[in-house]
Structures are given as structure tokens and as C-alpha cells.
Amino acid sequence: MKLRDRDRRRFKDKAAVLLRTVHAELRLKGEKMRAARLQELEEMGTKLQATALGLPLGQDRHNALREIERFRARITALHAFDEPMEG
């Protein structure tokens, strides 16, 4: 009976280590995917701004540039959220 209890504990310990390892790998993969997605959004913002600058002067251009600036500000905020806290 004691052998079974010991074997159960070993199994639980090994399972816990495996789960922590898998969790860490998934978190790292998620962080890499998030960084790649933010990079895509930055590139999209750049393309949108270039397109908006090609619009004729007027309210539509002004509104488009203002919305693009808000979009880019949100991306910047997401980057700041991802950076580790200093101190």
C-alpha cells in the first residue's frame, strides 16, 4: 500500500512539473504572437496614415488622420502594457 502512495506522489510531482513547463512554453508563445500582432498593427497604422495623407485637404482627411492617431495611441498603450515594470 505504501508503494502505491509513493508512486502516486511521484506521478503527481512529475505531472505538476510537466504542467508548469507546458504553461511556461504556451505563455512564451503567446507573448511572441502578441508582439508579432502588435507589429502588424503598427505597420497597418503606417499604411493608413500614408493613404490618409493622399486624401485632398479637408474635413475628411482631418478626421481620418485623427482616427489613425487614436489607433496608433492605442497600439502604443498596448506596448506599454506589455513592458515589464521597472523598479
PDB file of N, CA and C in Angstrom:
ATOM      1  N   MET A   1       0.809  -1.189   0.000  1.00  0.00           N
ATOM      2  CA  MET A   1       0.000   0.000   0.000  1.00  0.00           C
ATOM      3  C   MET A   1       0.858   1.260   0.000  1.00  0.00           C
ATOM      4  N   LYS A   2       1.943   1.270   0.771  1.00  0.00           N
ATOM      5  CA  LYS A   2       2.788   2.460   0.835  1.00  0.00           C
ATOM      6  C   LYS A   2       3.479   2.718  -0.496  1.00  0.00           C
ATOM      7  N   LEU A   3       3.816   1.658  -1.206  1.00  0.00           N
ATOM      8  CA  LEU A   3       4.440   1.822  -2.509  1.00  0.00           C
ATOM      9  C   LEU A   3       3.498   2.557  -3.462  1.00  0.00           C
ATOM     10  N   ARG A   4       2.245   2.212  -3.428  1.00  0.00           N
ATOM     11  CA  ARG A   4       1.275   2.887  -4.294  1.00  0.00           C
ATOM     12  C   ARG A   4       1.173   4.378  -3.953  1.00  0.00           C
ATOM     13  N   ASP A   5       1.127   4.700  -2.672  1.00  0.00           N
ATOM     14  CA  ASP A   5       1.059   6.107  -2.275  1.00  0.00           C
ATOM     15  C   ASP A   5       2.288   6.865  -2.762  1.00  0.00           C
ATOM     16  N   ARG A   6       3.443   6.243  -2.637  1.00  0.00           N
ATOM     17  CA  ARG A   6       4.684   6.882  -3.079  1.00  0.00           C
ATOM     18  C   ARG A   6       4.655   7.065  -4.605  1.00  0.00           C
ATOM     19  N   ASP A   7       4.185   6.040  -5.304  1.00  0.00           N
ATOM     20  CA  ASP A   7       4.096   6.141  -6.763  1.00  0.00           C
ATOM     21  C   ASP A   7       3.113   7.241  -7.176  1.00  0.00           C
ATOM     22  N   ARG A   8       2.010   7.361  -6.459  1.00  0.00           N
ATOM     23  CA  ARG A   8       1.050   8.426  -6.751  1.00  0.00           C
ATOM     24  C   ARG A   8       1.678   9.800  -6.560  1.00  0.00           C
ATOM     25  N   ARG A   9       2.411   9.964  -5.493  1.00  0.00           N
ATOM     26  CA  ARG A   9       3.075  11.253  -5.236  1.00  0.00           C
ATOM     27  C   ARG A   9       4.077  11.572  -6.336  1.00  0.00           C
ATOM     28  N   ARG A  10       4.850  10.565  -6.737  1.00  0.00           N
ATOM     29  CA  ARG A  10       5.821  10.780  -7.824  1.00  0.00           C
ATOM     30  C   ARG A  10       5.111  11.201  -9.107  1.00  0.00           C
ATOM     31  N   PHE A  11       4.036  10.506  -9.415  1.00  0.00           N
ATOM     32  CA  PHE A  11       3.273  10.835 -10.618  1.00  0.00           C
ATOM     33  C   PHE A  11       2.738  12.264 -10.540  1.00  0.00           C
ATOM     34  N   LYS A  12       2.165  12.622  -9.394  1.00  0.00           N
ATOM     35  CA  LYS A  12       1.631  13.980  -9.226  1.00  0.00           C
ATOM     36  C   LYS A  12       2.740  15.009  -9.351  1.00  0.00           C
ATOM     37  N   ASP A  13       3.905  14.736  -8.772  1.00  0.00           N
ATOM     38  CA  ASP A  13       5.032  15.665  -8.869  1.00  0.00           C
ATOM     39  C   ASP A  13       5.487  15.824 -10.310  1.00  0.00           C
ATOM     40  N   LYS A  14       5.598  14.698 -11.025  1.00  0.00           N
ATOM     41  CA  LYS A  14       6.012  14.761 -12.427  1.00  0.00           C
ATOM     42  C   LYS A  14       4.968  15.484 -13.275  1.00  0.00           C
ATOM     43  N   ALA A  15       3.699  15.225 -12.995  1.00  0.00           N
ATOM     44  CA  ALA A  15       2.627  15.890 -13.734  1.00  0.00           C
ATOM     45  C   ALA A  15       2.645  17.390 -13.467  1.00  0.00           C
ATOM     46  N   ALA A  16       2.890  17.780 -12.229  1.00  0.00           N
ATOM     47  CA  ALA A  16       2.934  19.198 -11.892  1.00  0.00           C
ATOM     48  C   ALA A  16       4.082  19.885 -12.619  1.00  0.00           C
ATOM     49  N   VAL A  17       5.237  19.249 -12.660  1.00  0.00           N
ATOM     50  CA  VAL A  17       6.387  19.823 -13.369  1.00  0.00           C
ATOM     51  C   VAL A  17       6.075  19.951 -14.855  1.00  0.00           C
ATOM     52  N   LEU A  18       5.481  18.924 -15.431  1.00  0.00           N
ATOM     53  CA  LEU A  18       5.123  18.952 -16.850  1.00  0.00           C
ATOM     54  C   LEU A  18       4.119  20.065 -17.137  1.00  0.00           C
ATOM     55  N   LEU A  19       3.111  20.215 -16.295  1.00  0.00           N
ATOM     56  CA  LEU A  19       2.122  21.271 -16.496  1.00  0.00           C
ATOM     57  C   LEU A  19       2.748  22.653 -16.397  1.00  0.00           C
ATOM     58  N   ARG A  20       3.640  22.855 -15.446  1.00  0.00           N
ATOM     59  CA  ARG A  20       4.323  24.161 -15.337  1.00  0.00           C
ATOM     60  C   ARG A  20       5.157  24.445 -16.574  1.00  0.00           C
ATOM     61  N   THR A  21       5.832  23.419 -17.079  1.00  0.00           N
ATOM     62  CA  THR A  21       6.662  23.586 -18.275  1.00  0.00           C
ATOM     63  C   THR A  21       5.800  23.942 -19.485  1.00  0.00           C
ATOM     64  N   VAL A  22       4.714  23.206 -19.665  1.00  0.00           N
ATOM     65  CA  VAL A  22       3.811  23.474 -20.792  1.00  0.00           C
ATOM     66  C   VAL A  22       3.214  24.878 -20.671  1.00  0.00           C
ATOM     67  N   HIS A  23       2.806  25.243 -19.463  1.00  0.00           N
ATOM     68  CA  HIS A  23       2.238  26.576 -19.244  1.00  0.00           C
ATOM     69  C   HIS A  23       3.251  27.665 -19.603  1.00  0.00           C
ATOM     70  N   ALA A  24       4.497  27.494 -19.181  1.00  0.00           N
ATOM     71  CA  ALA A  24       5.537  28.487 -19.479  1.00  0.00           C
ATOM     72  C   ALA A  24       5.772  28.585 -20.987  1.00  0.00           C
ATOM     73  N   GLU A  25       5.792  27.442 -21.663  1.00  0.00           N
ATOM     74  CA  GLU A  25       6.004  27.451 -23.116  1.00  0.00           C
ATOM     75  C   GLU A  25       4.838  28.127 -23.837  1.00  0.00           C
ATOM     76  N   LEU A  26       3.620  27.838 -23.406  1.00  0.00           N
ATOM     77  CA  LEU A  26       2.453  28.469 -24.024  1.00  0.00           C
ATOM     78  C   LEU A  26       2.444  29.973 -23.791  1.00  0.00           C
ATOM     79  N   ARG A  27       2.822  30.388 -22.579  1.00  0.00           N
ATOM     80  CA  ARG A  27       2.865  31.815 -22.276  1.00  0.00           C
ATOM     81  C   ARG A  27       3.886  32.514 -23.163  1.00  0.00           C
ATOM     82  N   LEU A  28       5.069  31.903 -23.325  1.00  0.00           N
ATOM     83  CA  LEU A  28       6.103  32.490 -24.177  1.00  0.00           C
ATOM     84  C   LEU A  28       5.628  32.569 -25.625  1.00  0.00           C
ATOM     85  N   LYS A  29       4.989  31.495 -26.095  1.00  0.00           N
ATOM     86  CA  LYS A  29       4.466  31.501 -27.465  1.00  0.00           C
ATOM     87  C   LYS A  29       3.412  32.589 -27.626  1.00  0.00           C
ATOM     88  N   GLY A  30       2.549  32.737 -26.616  1.00  0.00           N
ATOM     89  CA  GLY A  30       1.528  33.775 -26.659  1.00  0.00           C
ATOM     90  C   GLY A  30       2.127  35.165 -26.696  1.00  0.00           C
ATOM     91  N   GLU A  31       3.192  35.378 -25.920  1.00  0.00           N
ATOM     92  CA  GLU A  31       3.857  36.684 -25.916  1.00  0.00           C
ATOM     93  C   GLU A  31       4.478  36.984 -27.275  1.00  0.00           C
ATOM     94  N   LYS A  32       5.071  35.976 -27.894  1.00  0.00           N
ATOM     95  CA  LYS A  32       5.667  36.168 -29.224  1.00  0.00           C
ATOM     96  C   LYS A  32       4.583  36.479 -30.255  1.00  0.00           C
ATOM     97  N   MET A  33       3.456  35.762 -30.158  1.00  0.00           N
ATOM     98  CA  MET A  33       2.361  36.008 -31.094  1.00  0.00           C
ATOM     99  C   MET A  33       1.788  37.408 -30.895  1.00  0.00           C
ATOM    100  N   ARG A  34       1.681  37.834 -29.646  1.00  0.00           N
ATOM    101  CA  ARG A  34       1.158  39.166 -29.352  1.00  0.00           C
ATOM    102  C   ARG A  34       2.096  40.236 -29.898  1.00  0.00           C
ATOM    103  N   ALA A  35       3.398  40.049 -29.715  1.00  0.00           N
ATOM    104  CA  ALA A  35       4.374  41.014 -30.232  1.00  0.00           C
ATOM    105  C   ALA A  35       4.289  41.091 -31.754  1.00  0.00           C
ATOM    106  N   ALA A  36       4.127  39.946 -32.398  1.00  0.00           N
ATOM    107  CA  ALA A  36       4.008  39.929 -33.863  1.00  0.00           C
ATOM    108  C   ALA A  36       2.734  40.641 -34.303  1.00  0.00           C
ATOM    109  N   ARG A  37       1.655  40.425 -33.570  1.00  0.00           N
ATOM    110  CA  ARG A  37       0.382  41.075 -33.911  1.00  0.00           C
ATOM    111  C   ARG A  37       0.479  42.587 -33.728  1.00  0.00           C
ATOM    112  N   LEU A  38       1.121  43.027 -32.657  1.00  0.00           N
ATOM    113  CA  LEU A  38       1.303  44.468 -32.454  1.00  0.00           C
ATOM    114  C   LEU A  38       2.145  45.071 -33.573  1.00  0.00           C
ATOM    115  N   GLN A  39       3.150  44.334 -34.036  1.00  0.00           N
ATOM    116  CA  GLN A  39       3.968  44.810 -35.146  1.00  0.00           C
ATOM    117  C   GLN A  39       3.114  44.957 -36.408  1.00  0.00           C
ATOM    118  N   GLU A  40       2.233  43.995 -36.636  1.00  0.00           N
ATOM    119  CA  GLU A  40       1.328  44.080 -37.791  1.00  0.00           C
ATOM    120  C   GLU A  40       0.426  45.304 -37.682  1.00  0.00           C
ATOM    121  N   LEU A  41      -0.075  45.570 -36.482  1.00  0.00           N
ATOM    122  CA  LEU A  41      -0.939  46.733 -36.286  1.00  0.00           C
ATOM    123  C   LEU A  41      -0.178  48.040 -36.517  1.00  0.00           C
ATOM    124  N   GLU A  42       1.079  48.084 -36.074  1.00  0.00           N
ATOM    125  CA  GLU A  42       1.892  49.282 -36.327  1.00  0.00           C
ATOM    126  C   GLU A  42       2.067  49.519 -37.817  1.00  0.00           C
ATOM    127  N   GLU A  43       2.340  48.447 -38.545  1.00  0.00           N
ATOM    128  CA  GLU A  43       2.508  48.565 -39.989  1.00  0.00           C
ATOM    129  C   GLU A  43       1.205  49.013 -40.652  1.00  0.00           C
ATOM    130  N   MET A  44       0.092  48.504 -40.158  1.00  0.00           N
ATOM    131  CA  MET A  44      -1.205  48.910 -40.684  1.00  0.00           C
ATOM    132  C   MET A  44      -1.433  50.397 -40.445  1.00  0.00           C
ATOM    133  N   GLY A  45      -1.074  50.880 -39.257  1.00  0.00           N
ATOM    134  CA  GLY A  45      -1.206  52.299 -38.942  1.00  0.00           C
ATOM    135  C   GLY A  45      -0.386  53.166 -39.874  1.00  0.00           C
ATOM    136  N   THR A  46       0.821  52.704 -40.178  1.00  0.00           N
ATOM    137  CA  THR A  46       1.686  53.447 -41.102  1.00  0.00           C
ATOM    138  C   THR A  46       1.067  53.523 -42.495  1.00  0.00           C
ATOM    139  N   LYS A  47       0.527  52.399 -42.960  1.00  0.00           N
ATOM    140  CA  LYS A  47      -0.113  52.374 -44.281  1.00  0.00           C
ATOM    141  C   LYS A  47      -1.364  53.251 -44.310  1.00  0.00           C
ATOM    142  N   LEU A  48      -2.141  53.192 -43.234  1.00  0.00           N
ATOM    143  CA  LEU A  48      -3.341  54.037 -43.171  1.00  0.00           C
ATOM    144  C   LEU A  48      -2.983  55.515 -43.204  1.00  0.00           C
ATOM    145  N   GLN A  49      -1.934  55.883 -42.479  1.00  0.00           N
ATOM    146  CA  GLN A  49      -1.535  57.282 -42.459  1.00  0.00           C
ATOM    147  C   GLN A  49      -1.074  57.732 -43.846  1.00  0.00           C
ATOM    148  N   ALA A  50      -0.302  56.892 -44.514  1.00  0.00           N
ATOM    149  CA  ALA A  50       0.154  57.239 -45.861  1.00  0.00           C
ATOM    150  C   ALA A  50      -1.043  57.418 -46.805  1.00  0.00           C
ATOM    151  N   THR A  51      -2.031  56.557 -46.672  1.00  0.00           N
ATOM    152  CA  THR A  51      -3.229  56.671 -47.508  1.00  0.00           C
ATOM    153  C   THR A  51      -4.000  57.946 -47.190  1.00  0.00           C
ATOM    154  N   ALA A  52      -4.145  58.231 -45.898  1.00  0.00           N
ATOM    155  CA  ALA A  52      -4.886  59.430 -45.490  1.00  0.00           C
ATOM    156  C   ALA A  52      -4.186  60.699 -45.953  1.00  0.00           C
ATOM    157  N   LEU A  53      -2.869  60.704 -45.935  1.00  0.00           N
ATOM    158  CA  LEU A  53      -2.131  61.882 -46.389  1.00  0.00           C
ATOM    159  C   LEU A  53      -2.329  62.122 -47.880  1.00  0.00           C
ATOM    160  N   GLY A  54      -2.737  61.077 -48.597  1.00  0.00           N
ATOM    161  CA  GLY A  54      -3.016  61.226 -50.028  1.00  0.00           C
ATOM    162  C   GLY A  54      -4.400  61.795 -50.316  1.00  0.00           C
ATOM    163  N   LEU A  55      -5.226  61.914 -49.299  1.00  0.00           N
ATOM    164  CA  LEU A  55      -6.562  62.494 -49.486  1.00  0.00           C
ATOM    165  C   LEU A  55      -6.452  64.003 -49.705  1.00  0.00           C
ATOM    166  N   PRO A  56      -7.418  64.570 -50.414  1.00  0.00           N
ATOM    167  CA  PRO A  56      -7.394  66.024 -50.578  1.00  0.00           C
ATOM    168  C   PRO A  56      -7.601  66.716 -49.225  1.00  0.00           C
ATOM    169  N   LEU A  57      -7.060  67.919 -49.111  1.00  0.00           N
ATOM    170  CA  LEU A  57      -7.227  68.683 -47.883  1.00  0.00           C
ATOM    171  C   LEU A  57      -8.707  68.873 -47.596  1.00  0.00           C
ATOM    172  N   GLY A  58      -9.049  68.795 -46.325  1.00  0.00           N
ATOM    173  CA  GLY A  58     -10.444  68.991 -45.953  1.00  0.00           C
ATOM    174  C   GLY A  58     -10.791  68.211 -44.703  1.00  0.00           C
ATOM    175  N   GLN A  59     -12.066  68.256 -44.361  1.00  0.00           N
ATOM    176  CA  GLN A  59     -12.538  67.629 -43.128  1.00  0.00           C
ATOM    177  C   GLN A  59     -12.363  66.116 -43.131  1.00  0.00           C
ATOM    178  N   ASP A  60     -12.586  65.464 -44.272  1.00  0.00           N
ATOM    179  CA  ASP A  60     -12.432  64.010 -44.337  1.00  0.00           C
ATOM    180  C   ASP A  60     -10.992  63.588 -44.033  1.00  0.00           C
ATOM    181  N   ARG A  61     -10.058  64.303 -44.609  1.00  0.00           N
ATOM    182  CA  ARG A  61      -8.644  63.997 -44.344  1.00  0.00           C
ATOM    183  C   ARG A  61      -8.327  64.238 -42.875  1.00  0.00           C
ATOM    184  N   HIS A  62      -8.771  65.360 -42.353  1.00  0.00           N
ATOM    185  CA  HIS A  62      -8.521  65.692 -40.953  1.00  0.00           C
ATOM    186  C   HIS A  62      -9.098  64.610 -40.025  1.00  0.00           C
ATOM    187  N   ASN A  63     -10.341  64.183 -40.279  1.00  0.00           N
ATOM    188  CA  ASN A  63     -10.978  63.152 -39.462  1.00  0.00           C
ATOM    189  C   ASN A  63     -10.233  61.819 -39.558  1.00  0.00           C
ATOM    190  N   ALA A  64      -9.821  61.462 -40.767  1.00  0.00           N
ATOM    191  CA  ALA A  64      -9.095  60.202 -40.957  1.00  0.00           C
ATOM    192  C   ALA A  64      -7.771  60.221 -40.187  1.00  0.00           C
ATOM    193  N   LEU A  65      -7.045  61.325 -40.299  1.00  0.00           N
ATOM    194  CA  LEU A  65      -5.762  61.416 -39.589  1.00  0.00           C
ATOM    195  C   LEU A  65      -5.961  61.390 -38.068  1.00  0.00           C
ATOM    196  N   ARG A  66      -7.018  61.992 -37.598  1.00  0.00           N
ATOM    197  CA  ARG A  66      -7.296  61.990 -36.163  1.00  0.00           C
ATOM    198  C   ARG A  66      -7.617  60.565 -35.679  1.00  0.00           C
ATOM    199  N   GLU A  67      -8.414  59.835 -36.447  1.00  0.00           N
ATOM    200  CA  GLU A  67      -8.736  58.448 -36.083  1.00  0.00           C
ATOM    201  C   GLU A  67      -7.500  57.559 -36.126  1.00  0.00           C
ATOM    202  N   ILE A  68      -6.651  57.779 -37.110  1.00  0.00           N
ATOM    203  CA  ILE A  68      -5.412  56.997 -37.211  1.00  0.00           C
ATOM    204  C   ILE A  68      -4.511  57.290 -36.016  1.00  0.00           C
ATOM    205  N   GLU A  69      -4.448  58.535 -35.597  1.00  0.00           N
ATOM    206  CA  GLU A  69      -3.637  58.887 -34.435  1.00  0.00           C
ATOM    207  C   GLU A  69      -4.171  58.195 -33.180  1.00  0.00           C
ATOM    208  N   ARG A  70      -5.469  58.111 -33.033  1.00  0.00           N
ATOM    209  CA  ARG A  70      -6.061  57.395 -31.892  1.00  0.00           C
ATOM    210  C   ARG A  70      -5.709  55.906 -31.952  1.00  0.00           C
ATOM    211  N   PHE A  71      -5.784  55.349 -33.149  1.00  0.00           N
ATOM    212  CA  PHE A  71      -5.428  53.945 -33.367  1.00  0.00           C
ATOM    213  C   PHE A  71      -3.988  53.690 -32.947  1.00  0.00           C
ATOM    214  N   ARG A  72      -3.088  54.560 -33.380  1.00  0.00           N
ATOM    215  CA  ARG A  72      -1.673  54.395 -33.042  1.00  0.00           C
ATOM    216  C   ARG A  72      -1.421  54.612 -31.552  1.00  0.00           C
ATOM    217  N   ALA A  73      -2.179  55.484 -30.931  1.00  0.00           N
ATOM    218  CA  ALA A  73      -2.043  55.699 -29.483  1.00  0.00           C
ATOM    219  C   ALA A  73      -2.438  54.439 -28.719  1.00  0.00           C
ATOM    220  N   ARG A  74      -3.464  53.757 -29.209  1.00  0.00           N
ATOM    221  CA  ARG A  74      -3.875  52.505 -28.560  1.00  0.00           C
ATOM    222  C   ARG A  74      -2.799  51.443 -28.693  1.00  0.00           C
ATOM    223  N   ILE A  75      -2.167  51.378 -29.838  1.00  0.00           N
ATOM    224  CA  ILE A  75      -1.079  50.422 -30.046  1.00  0.00           C
ATOM    225  C   ILE A  75       0.072  50.735 -29.090  1.00  0.00           C
ATOM    226  N   THR A  76       0.401  52.018 -28.959  1.00  0.00           N
ATOM    227  CA  THR A  76       1.458  52.426 -28.029  1.00  0.00           C
ATOM    228  C   THR A  76       1.098  52.018 -26.606  1.00  0.00           C
ATOM    229  N   ALA A  77      -0.158  52.199 -26.230  1.00  0.00           N
ATOM    230  CA  ALA A  77      -0.599  51.810 -24.890  1.00  0.00           C
ATOM    231  C   ALA A  77      -0.479  50.301 -24.692  1.00  0.00           C
ATOM    232  N   LEU A  78      -0.785  49.526 -25.711  1.00  0.00           N
ATOM    233  CA  LEU A  78      -0.638  48.070 -25.605  1.00  0.00           C
ATOM    234  C   LEU A  78       0.822  47.682 -25.423  1.00  0.00           C
ATOM    235  N   HIS A  79       1.709  48.371 -26.133  1.00  0.00           N
ATOM    236  CA  HIS A  79       3.152  48.115 -25.957  1.00  0.00           C
ATOM    237  C   HIS A  79       3.565  48.429 -24.523  1.00  0.00           C
ATOM    238  N   ALA A  80       3.108  49.548 -24.008  1.00  0.00           N
ATOM    239  CA  ALA A  80       3.468  49.935 -22.640  1.00  0.00           C
ATOM    240  C   ALA A  80       2.938  48.927 -21.639  1.00  0.00           C
ATOM    241  N   PHE A  81       1.774  48.370 -21.919  1.00  0.00           N
ATOM    242  CA  PHE A  81       1.187  47.362 -21.028  1.00  0.00           C
ATOM    243  C   PHE A  81       2.029  46.087 -21.015  1.00  0.00           C
ATOM    244  N   ASP A  82       2.630  45.738 -22.157  1.00  0.00           N
ATOM    245  CA  ASP A  82       3.436  44.531 -22.261  1.00  0.00           C
ATOM    246  C   ASP A  82       4.810  44.653 -21.627  1.00  0.00           C
ATOM    247  N   GLU A  83       5.328  45.884 -21.538  1.00  0.00           N
ATOM    248  CA  GLU A  83       6.683  46.063 -20.997  1.00  0.00           C
ATOM    249  C   GLU A  83       6.687  45.776 -19.505  1.00  0.00           C
ATOM    250  N   PRO A  84       7.750  45.105 -19.028  1.00  0.00           N
ATOM    251  CA  PRO A  84       7.829  44.836 -17.583  1.00  0.00           C
ATOM    252  C   PRO A  84       8.009  46.115 -16.783  1.00  0.00           C
ATOM    253  N   MET A  85       7.467  46.110 -15.584  1.00  0.00           N
ATOM    254  CA  MET A  85       7.582  47.266 -14.695  1.00  0.00           C
ATOM    255  C   MET A  85       9.019  47.373 -14.198  1.00  0.00           C
ATOM    256  N   GLU A  86       9.554  48.569 -14.183  1.00  0.00           N
ATOM    257  CA  GLU A  86      10.896  48.801 -13.653  1.00  0.00           C
ATOM    258  C   GLU A  86      10.803  49.215 -12.194  1.00  0.00           C
ATOM    259  N   GLY A  87      11.837  48.857 -11.448  1.00  0.00           N
ATOM    260  CA  GLY A  87      11.883  49.323 -10.066  1.00  0.00           C
ATOM    261  C   GLY A  87      11.704  48.267  -9.049  1.00  0.00           C
TER     262      GLY A  87
END
